[in-house]
N, C-alpha and C. Protein backbone atom coordinates (compact mmCIF):
# COMPACT_ATOMS: atom_id res chain seq x y z
N UNK A 1 121.30 68.47 -20.80
CA UNK A 1 120.49 68.49 -19.61
C UNK A 1 119.63 67.22 -19.56
N UNK A 2 119.58 66.60 -18.41
CA UNK A 2 118.79 65.39 -18.26
C UNK A 2 117.37 65.76 -17.83
N UNK A 3 116.43 65.66 -18.77
CA UNK A 3 115.05 66.06 -18.51
C UNK A 3 114.30 65.08 -17.62
N UNK A 4 114.73 63.82 -17.59
CA UNK A 4 114.01 62.79 -16.84
C UNK A 4 113.80 63.19 -15.38
N UNK A 5 114.81 63.78 -14.75
CA UNK A 5 114.66 64.13 -13.34
C UNK A 5 113.63 65.23 -13.15
N UNK A 6 113.49 66.12 -14.13
CA UNK A 6 112.48 67.17 -14.06
C UNK A 6 111.08 66.59 -14.22
N UNK A 7 110.93 65.70 -15.19
CA UNK A 7 109.62 65.07 -15.40
C UNK A 7 109.22 64.24 -14.19
N UNK A 8 110.16 63.50 -13.62
CA UNK A 8 109.86 62.70 -12.42
C UNK A 8 109.43 63.61 -11.28
N UNK A 9 110.09 64.74 -11.13
CA UNK A 9 109.73 65.68 -10.08
C UNK A 9 108.31 66.20 -10.27
N UNK A 10 107.93 66.50 -11.50
CA UNK A 10 106.57 66.96 -11.78
C UNK A 10 105.57 65.88 -11.39
N UNK A 11 105.81 64.66 -11.80
CA UNK A 11 104.90 63.55 -11.50
C UNK A 11 104.83 63.31 -10.00
N UNK A 12 105.96 63.34 -9.33
CA UNK A 12 105.99 63.07 -7.89
C UNK A 12 105.28 64.15 -7.08
N UNK A 13 105.24 65.37 -7.57
CA UNK A 13 104.58 66.46 -6.85
C UNK A 13 103.10 66.57 -7.18
N UNK A 14 102.63 65.85 -8.18
CA UNK A 14 101.21 65.88 -8.52
C UNK A 14 100.42 65.26 -7.37
N UNK A 15 99.36 65.91 -6.95
CA UNK A 15 98.54 65.40 -5.86
C UNK A 15 97.59 64.30 -6.29
N UNK A 16 97.44 64.11 -7.60
CA UNK A 16 96.62 63.03 -8.12
C UNK A 16 97.47 61.76 -8.23
N UNK A 17 96.82 60.64 -8.05
CA UNK A 17 97.51 59.36 -8.22
C UNK A 17 97.88 59.17 -9.68
N UNK A 18 99.14 58.82 -9.92
CA UNK A 18 99.61 58.54 -11.27
C UNK A 18 100.27 57.17 -11.26
N UNK A 19 99.71 56.26 -12.05
CA UNK A 19 100.24 54.91 -12.20
C UNK A 19 100.61 54.75 -13.66
N UNK A 20 101.89 54.53 -13.92
CA UNK A 20 102.38 54.43 -15.29
C UNK A 20 102.57 52.96 -15.64
N UNK A 21 102.06 52.58 -16.81
CA UNK A 21 102.15 51.19 -17.28
C UNK A 21 102.82 51.13 -18.64
N UNK A 22 103.51 50.01 -18.89
CA UNK A 22 104.06 49.77 -20.22
C UNK A 22 103.00 49.06 -21.06
N UNK A 23 103.37 48.66 -22.26
CA UNK A 23 102.38 48.07 -23.17
C UNK A 23 101.99 46.64 -22.83
N UNK A 24 102.70 46.03 -21.89
CA UNK A 24 102.27 44.71 -21.41
C UNK A 24 101.44 44.86 -20.14
N UNK A 25 101.06 46.10 -19.83
CA UNK A 25 100.20 46.45 -18.69
C UNK A 25 100.90 46.29 -17.34
N UNK A 26 102.22 46.21 -17.37
CA UNK A 26 102.99 46.13 -16.14
C UNK A 26 103.09 47.53 -15.52
N UNK A 27 102.82 47.62 -14.24
CA UNK A 27 102.96 48.90 -13.53
C UNK A 27 104.45 49.15 -13.37
N UNK A 28 104.94 50.22 -14.00
CA UNK A 28 106.38 50.50 -13.94
C UNK A 28 106.71 51.65 -13.00
N UNK A 29 105.70 52.45 -12.63
CA UNK A 29 105.96 53.53 -11.69
C UNK A 29 104.66 54.01 -11.06
N UNK A 30 104.74 54.33 -9.79
CA UNK A 30 103.62 54.94 -9.07
C UNK A 30 104.16 56.17 -8.34
N UNK A 31 103.48 57.30 -8.50
CA UNK A 31 103.94 58.47 -7.76
C UNK A 31 103.52 58.33 -6.29
N UNK A 32 104.05 59.17 -5.39
CA UNK A 32 103.69 59.04 -3.97
C UNK A 32 102.19 59.09 -3.70
N UNK A 33 101.44 59.91 -4.43
CA UNK A 33 99.99 59.97 -4.23
C UNK A 33 99.33 58.63 -4.58
N UNK A 34 99.82 57.96 -5.60
CA UNK A 34 99.28 56.65 -5.98
C UNK A 34 99.61 55.59 -4.94
N UNK A 35 100.80 55.65 -4.41
CA UNK A 35 101.21 54.68 -3.39
C UNK A 35 100.28 54.79 -2.18
N UNK A 36 99.95 56.01 -1.78
CA UNK A 36 99.03 56.22 -0.66
C UNK A 36 97.62 55.78 -1.05
N UNK A 37 97.16 56.20 -2.22
CA UNK A 37 95.79 55.89 -2.66
C UNK A 37 95.54 54.38 -2.74
N UNK A 38 96.53 53.64 -3.22
CA UNK A 38 96.35 52.20 -3.42
C UNK A 38 97.05 51.37 -2.34
N UNK A 39 97.24 51.95 -1.18
CA UNK A 39 97.91 51.25 -0.08
C UNK A 39 97.20 49.95 0.29
N UNK A 40 95.87 49.97 0.35
CA UNK A 40 95.10 48.78 0.71
C UNK A 40 95.25 47.65 -0.32
N UNK A 41 95.61 48.02 -1.54
CA UNK A 41 95.79 47.02 -2.59
C UNK A 41 97.25 46.58 -2.74
N UNK A 42 98.13 47.16 -1.92
CA UNK A 42 99.54 46.78 -1.97
C UNK A 42 100.49 47.95 -2.08
N UNK A 43 99.98 49.13 -2.42
CA UNK A 43 100.83 50.31 -2.52
C UNK A 43 102.01 50.10 -3.44
N UNK A 44 103.19 50.44 -2.96
CA UNK A 44 104.40 50.37 -3.78
C UNK A 44 104.70 48.96 -4.27
N UNK A 45 104.22 47.94 -3.57
CA UNK A 45 104.44 46.56 -3.99
C UNK A 45 103.73 46.23 -5.31
N UNK A 46 102.84 47.10 -5.76
CA UNK A 46 102.16 46.89 -7.05
C UNK A 46 103.10 47.13 -8.23
N UNK A 47 104.16 47.88 -8.01
CA UNK A 47 105.13 48.12 -9.09
C UNK A 47 105.71 46.77 -9.50
N UNK A 48 105.69 46.52 -10.81
CA UNK A 48 106.15 45.24 -11.34
C UNK A 48 105.01 44.26 -11.57
N UNK A 49 103.83 44.57 -11.06
CA UNK A 49 102.66 43.71 -11.22
C UNK A 49 101.84 44.15 -12.44
N UNK A 50 100.95 43.30 -12.87
CA UNK A 50 100.07 43.65 -13.98
C UNK A 50 98.90 44.50 -13.50
N UNK A 51 98.67 45.61 -14.17
CA UNK A 51 97.53 46.45 -13.86
C UNK A 51 96.23 45.67 -14.07
N UNK A 52 96.24 44.76 -15.01
CA UNK A 52 95.04 44.00 -15.33
C UNK A 52 94.58 43.14 -14.16
N UNK A 53 95.52 42.75 -13.29
CA UNK A 53 95.16 41.95 -12.12
C UNK A 53 94.38 42.76 -11.08
N UNK A 54 94.38 44.07 -11.22
CA UNK A 54 93.70 44.97 -10.27
C UNK A 54 92.30 45.33 -10.72
N UNK A 55 91.86 44.79 -11.85
CA UNK A 55 90.57 45.18 -12.42
C UNK A 55 89.71 43.97 -12.75
N UNK A 56 88.40 44.21 -12.82
CA UNK A 56 87.48 43.14 -13.20
C UNK A 56 87.56 42.93 -14.72
N UNK A 57 86.90 41.89 -15.19
CA UNK A 57 87.02 41.52 -16.60
C UNK A 57 86.48 42.60 -17.54
N UNK A 58 85.43 43.31 -17.15
CA UNK A 58 84.91 44.39 -18.00
C UNK A 58 85.92 45.52 -18.12
N UNK A 59 86.55 45.88 -17.02
CA UNK A 59 87.56 46.95 -17.05
C UNK A 59 88.78 46.53 -17.85
N UNK A 60 89.19 45.27 -17.71
CA UNK A 60 90.34 44.77 -18.47
C UNK A 60 90.06 44.88 -19.96
N UNK A 61 88.86 44.52 -20.37
CA UNK A 61 88.48 44.61 -21.78
C UNK A 61 88.55 46.06 -22.27
N UNK A 62 88.07 46.99 -21.45
CA UNK A 62 88.10 48.41 -21.83
C UNK A 62 89.53 48.94 -21.90
N UNK A 63 90.36 48.57 -20.94
CA UNK A 63 91.76 49.00 -20.94
C UNK A 63 92.44 48.53 -22.23
N UNK A 64 92.27 47.28 -22.57
CA UNK A 64 92.88 46.73 -23.78
C UNK A 64 92.36 47.43 -25.04
N UNK A 65 91.07 47.74 -25.05
CA UNK A 65 90.46 48.42 -26.19
C UNK A 65 91.05 49.82 -26.35
N UNK A 66 91.24 50.53 -25.24
CA UNK A 66 91.81 51.87 -25.30
C UNK A 66 93.25 51.81 -25.80
N UNK A 67 94.04 50.87 -25.30
CA UNK A 67 95.43 50.75 -25.76
C UNK A 67 95.47 50.44 -27.25
N UNK A 68 94.58 49.61 -27.74
CA UNK A 68 94.51 49.35 -29.19
C UNK A 68 94.17 50.62 -29.95
N UNK A 69 93.28 51.42 -29.40
CA UNK A 69 92.91 52.69 -30.02
C UNK A 69 94.11 53.64 -30.04
N UNK A 70 94.88 53.69 -28.95
CA UNK A 70 96.10 54.50 -28.92
C UNK A 70 97.06 54.07 -30.03
N UNK A 71 97.15 52.77 -30.28
CA UNK A 71 98.07 52.24 -31.28
C UNK A 71 97.64 52.57 -32.71
N UNK A 72 96.36 52.82 -32.93
CA UNK A 72 95.85 53.08 -34.27
C UNK A 72 96.36 54.38 -34.88
N UNK A 73 96.62 55.39 -34.06
CA UNK A 73 97.00 56.70 -34.60
C UNK A 73 97.77 57.51 -33.56
N UNK A 74 98.74 58.27 -34.02
CA UNK A 74 99.48 59.17 -33.11
C UNK A 74 98.57 60.30 -32.63
N UNK A 75 97.42 60.45 -33.26
CA UNK A 75 96.44 61.46 -32.85
C UNK A 75 95.60 60.98 -31.67
N UNK A 76 95.62 59.69 -31.40
CA UNK A 76 94.82 59.11 -30.30
C UNK A 76 95.68 59.08 -29.04
N UNK A 77 95.48 60.07 -28.19
CA UNK A 77 96.35 60.20 -27.02
C UNK A 77 95.65 60.35 -25.68
N UNK A 78 94.38 60.61 -25.70
CA UNK A 78 93.67 60.81 -24.44
C UNK A 78 92.21 60.47 -24.65
N UNK A 79 91.65 59.73 -23.68
CA UNK A 79 90.24 59.38 -23.77
C UNK A 79 89.61 59.45 -22.38
N UNK A 80 88.44 60.03 -22.34
CA UNK A 80 87.67 60.14 -21.09
C UNK A 80 87.12 58.77 -20.77
N UNK A 81 87.32 58.31 -19.53
CA UNK A 81 86.85 56.97 -19.16
C UNK A 81 85.68 56.98 -18.20
N UNK A 82 85.66 57.90 -17.24
CA UNK A 82 84.51 57.97 -16.35
C UNK A 82 84.58 59.16 -15.39
N UNK A 83 83.45 59.38 -14.73
CA UNK A 83 83.35 60.42 -13.71
C UNK A 83 83.12 59.74 -12.38
N UNK A 84 83.88 60.12 -11.38
CA UNK A 84 83.73 59.59 -10.03
C UNK A 84 82.97 60.64 -9.22
N UNK A 85 81.69 60.40 -9.00
CA UNK A 85 80.84 61.38 -8.32
C UNK A 85 81.28 61.59 -6.88
N UNK A 86 81.63 60.51 -6.20
CA UNK A 86 82.01 60.60 -4.78
C UNK A 86 83.20 61.54 -4.57
N UNK A 87 84.15 61.50 -5.48
CA UNK A 87 85.35 62.33 -5.36
C UNK A 87 85.32 63.54 -6.30
N UNK A 88 84.23 63.71 -7.04
CA UNK A 88 84.06 64.83 -7.96
C UNK A 88 85.26 64.97 -8.90
N UNK A 89 85.53 63.91 -9.64
CA UNK A 89 86.68 63.94 -10.54
C UNK A 89 86.38 63.21 -11.83
N UNK A 90 87.00 63.71 -12.89
CA UNK A 90 86.96 63.06 -14.20
C UNK A 90 88.21 62.20 -14.32
N UNK A 91 88.08 61.10 -15.03
CA UNK A 91 89.21 60.18 -15.20
C UNK A 91 89.44 59.94 -16.69
N UNK A 92 90.70 59.99 -17.08
CA UNK A 92 91.11 59.80 -18.47
C UNK A 92 92.22 58.77 -18.53
N UNK A 93 92.33 58.09 -19.65
CA UNK A 93 93.53 57.30 -19.96
C UNK A 93 94.33 58.13 -20.95
N UNK A 94 95.65 58.19 -20.74
CA UNK A 94 96.52 59.02 -21.55
C UNK A 94 97.66 58.17 -22.12
N UNK A 95 97.90 58.31 -23.41
CA UNK A 95 98.98 57.59 -24.08
C UNK A 95 100.33 58.20 -23.73
N UNK A 96 101.33 57.38 -23.63
CA UNK A 96 102.72 57.82 -23.47
C UNK A 96 103.47 57.42 -24.74
N UNK A 97 104.13 58.39 -25.34
CA UNK A 97 104.84 58.14 -26.60
C UNK A 97 106.28 58.62 -26.48
N UNK A 98 107.18 57.96 -27.22
CA UNK A 98 108.57 58.40 -27.23
C UNK A 98 108.76 59.52 -28.24
N UNK A 99 110.00 59.95 -28.43
CA UNK A 99 110.27 61.09 -29.32
C UNK A 99 109.90 60.82 -30.77
N UNK A 100 109.75 59.55 -31.15
CA UNK A 100 109.33 59.19 -32.50
C UNK A 100 107.81 59.00 -32.61
N UNK A 101 107.11 59.32 -31.53
CA UNK A 101 105.65 59.19 -31.44
C UNK A 101 105.18 57.74 -31.36
N UNK A 102 106.11 56.83 -31.08
CA UNK A 102 105.76 55.42 -30.90
C UNK A 102 105.15 55.24 -29.52
N UNK A 103 104.03 54.54 -29.46
CA UNK A 103 103.38 54.28 -28.19
C UNK A 103 104.29 53.42 -27.32
N UNK A 104 104.53 53.85 -26.08
CA UNK A 104 105.39 53.09 -25.15
C UNK A 104 104.66 52.71 -23.87
N UNK A 105 103.48 53.26 -23.65
CA UNK A 105 102.73 52.95 -22.44
C UNK A 105 101.55 53.88 -22.28
N UNK A 106 101.04 53.93 -21.05
CA UNK A 106 99.88 54.76 -20.76
C UNK A 106 99.79 55.01 -19.26
N UNK A 107 98.95 55.97 -18.91
CA UNK A 107 98.64 56.20 -17.51
C UNK A 107 97.23 56.73 -17.38
N UNK A 108 96.72 56.70 -16.16
CA UNK A 108 95.39 57.23 -15.89
C UNK A 108 95.55 58.60 -15.28
N UNK A 109 94.76 59.56 -15.76
CA UNK A 109 94.83 60.95 -15.29
C UNK A 109 93.54 61.29 -14.58
N UNK A 110 93.64 61.77 -13.36
CA UNK A 110 92.49 62.18 -12.56
C UNK A 110 92.47 63.70 -12.51
N UNK A 111 91.33 64.29 -12.84
CA UNK A 111 91.18 65.74 -12.76
C UNK A 111 90.02 66.04 -11.81
N UNK A 112 90.38 66.61 -10.68
CA UNK A 112 89.39 66.93 -9.66
C UNK A 112 88.69 68.24 -10.00
N UNK A 113 87.39 68.28 -9.75
CA UNK A 113 86.58 69.45 -10.08
C UNK A 113 86.42 70.41 -8.89
N UNK A 114 86.81 69.99 -7.70
CA UNK A 114 86.64 70.85 -6.54
C UNK A 114 87.53 72.08 -6.65
N UNK A 115 86.97 73.19 -6.28
CA UNK A 115 87.71 74.45 -6.31
C UNK A 115 88.77 74.45 -5.21
N UNK A 116 89.93 75.01 -5.51
CA UNK A 116 91.01 75.13 -4.53
C UNK A 116 90.54 75.98 -3.37
N UNK A 117 90.87 75.56 -2.15
CA UNK A 117 90.46 76.30 -0.95
C UNK A 117 91.62 77.08 -0.32
N UNK A 118 92.83 76.82 -0.77
CA UNK A 118 93.99 77.53 -0.22
C UNK A 118 93.97 78.98 -0.69
N UNK A 119 94.55 79.85 0.12
CA UNK A 119 94.70 81.25 -0.28
C UNK A 119 95.79 81.34 -1.33
N UNK A 120 95.63 82.26 -2.27
CA UNK A 120 96.63 82.44 -3.31
C UNK A 120 97.98 82.83 -2.68
N UNK A 121 99.01 82.21 -3.16
CA UNK A 121 100.38 82.47 -2.73
C UNK A 121 100.52 82.46 -1.21
N UNK A 122 99.88 81.52 -0.56
CA UNK A 122 99.95 81.41 0.90
C UNK A 122 101.22 80.66 1.27
N UNK A 123 102.28 81.39 1.55
CA UNK A 123 103.58 80.79 1.84
C UNK A 123 103.61 80.09 3.19
N UNK A 124 102.59 80.25 3.97
CA UNK A 124 102.56 79.62 5.29
C UNK A 124 101.86 78.26 5.26
N UNK A 125 101.32 77.91 4.11
CA UNK A 125 100.59 76.64 3.99
C UNK A 125 101.51 75.45 4.06
């Protein structure tokens, strides 16, 4: 069974923006929510570009420091980076590892704190 299509489907259906980068900080994939969120910065055209070009020098330094921390141990896989008050969300950087636990990249994870407003099992939504 090819699991990649299942994992891609999960990422594509996530309502949070997901931007996946390799270890050279190249954006290798953006889910549909990320393409919409970063439309003003280029949207889908950002794929293939350096994530570091989208950040100021302080953020670039922090991104590199986190990736170095991910490389130090297979136990280092997720770190809280900040809280966005305007959108009521926590932001994390998450390590991506292959089946041998070798670091292959990273992504940013957004977790919104707002309570769901949809009705449970509302098939008409």
